[in-house]
Amino acid sequence: MVLKELMQVYQAGWKAVEEVQREERRSASLDLRWRQLNAVYGLAKGLGILQPDSTEAEVIKRWAILKNKANRQNPKA
């Protein structure tokens, strides 16, 4: 197999991986996405890379409202 063919096989493999990841993201539940968002936020907070923001409390309130609405629409998720 020549180098060009090897590169095409390699690239096709990564495209397949990308498609699987895209489908996983597309089918992820709201609960999973919420947990992932909280994990990223917790990591950033733990690393001390969050910037204090005077509007942060308002944003947290809005997310709580959205989460409550979503949970009422899909209580088993």
Protein backbone atom coordinates (compact mmCIF):
# COMPACT_ATOMS: atom_id res chain seq x y z
CA MET A 1 0.00 0.00 0.00
CA VAL A 2 1.39 3.36 -0.96
CA LEU A 3 1.51 6.36 1.31
CA LYS A 4 -1.44 8.08 -0.39
CA GLU A 5 -3.67 5.04 0.21
CA LEU A 6 -2.54 4.82 3.82
CA MET A 7 -3.41 8.48 4.35
CA GLN A 8 -6.86 7.97 2.81
CA VAL A 9 -7.55 5.01 5.10
CA TYR A 10 -6.34 7.01 8.09
CA GLN A 11 -8.50 10.00 7.20
CA ALA A 12 -11.54 7.81 6.55
CA GLY A 13 -11.11 6.26 9.99
CA TRP A 14 -11.10 9.65 11.67
CA LYS A 15 -14.12 10.76 9.65
CA ALA A 16 -15.96 7.68 10.93
CA VAL A 17 -14.98 8.54 14.50
CA GLU A 18 -16.16 12.11 13.98
CA GLU A 19 -19.54 10.91 12.70
CA VAL A 20 -20.03 8.64 15.73
CA GLN A 21 -19.15 11.51 18.06
CA ARG A 22 -21.53 13.84 16.20
CA GLU A 23 -24.37 11.31 16.59
CA GLU A 24 -23.59 10.86 20.30
CA ARG A 25 -23.79 14.63 20.81
CA ARG A 26 -27.01 14.83 18.80
CA SER A 27 -28.71 12.09 20.82
CA ALA A 28 -27.45 13.18 24.27
CA SER A 29 -30.23 13.84 26.76
CA LEU A 30 -30.77 17.20 28.37
CA ASP A 31 -29.79 15.67 31.70
CA LEU A 32 -26.47 14.44 30.30
CA ARG A 33 -25.73 17.80 28.71
CA TRP A 34 -26.60 19.56 31.98
CA ARG A 35 -24.23 17.28 33.93
CA GLN A 36 -21.48 17.86 31.36
CA LEU A 37 -21.95 21.62 31.57
CA ASN A 38 -21.79 21.50 35.37
CA ALA A 39 -18.65 19.34 35.18
CA VAL A 40 -16.91 21.85 32.91
CA TYR A 41 -18.01 24.73 35.13
CA GLY A 42 -16.78 22.90 38.24
CA LEU A 43 -13.44 22.18 36.60
CA ALA A 44 -12.99 25.81 35.56
CA LYS A 45 -13.95 26.97 39.04
CA GLY A 46 -11.58 24.47 40.66
CA LEU A 47 -8.74 25.60 38.43
CA GLY A 48 -9.44 29.22 39.30
CA ILE A 49 -9.92 30.32 35.71
CA LEU A 50 -13.42 31.76 36.11
CA GLN A 51 -13.74 35.49 35.87
CA PRO A 52 -16.05 37.06 38.44
CA ASP A 53 -19.13 38.43 36.71
CA SER A 54 -21.75 40.65 38.27
CA THR A 55 -24.40 39.05 36.05
CA GLU A 56 -23.48 35.49 37.04
CA ALA A 57 -26.28 35.22 39.59
CA GLU A 58 -28.82 36.20 36.94
CA VAL A 59 -27.45 33.61 34.53
CA ILE A 60 -27.63 30.91 37.20
CA LYS A 61 -31.26 31.84 37.90
CA ARG A 62 -32.08 31.58 34.19
CA TRP A 63 -30.42 28.16 33.90
CA ALA A 64 -32.36 26.96 36.96
CA ILE A 65 -35.63 28.09 35.34
CA LEU A 66 -34.74 26.32 32.09
CA LYS A 67 -33.75 23.16 33.94
CA ASN A 68 -37.01 23.13 35.91
CA LYS A 69 -39.05 23.60 32.73
CA ALA A 70 -37.16 20.80 30.99
CA ASN A 71 -37.62 18.46 33.95
CA ARG A 72 -41.36 19.11 33.97
CA GLN A 73 -41.58 18.30 30.26
CA ASN A 74 -39.51 15.13 30.55
CA PRO A 75 -39.60 13.88 34.17
CA LYS A 76 -37.83 10.55 33.43
CA ALA A 77 -34.77 12.06 31.70
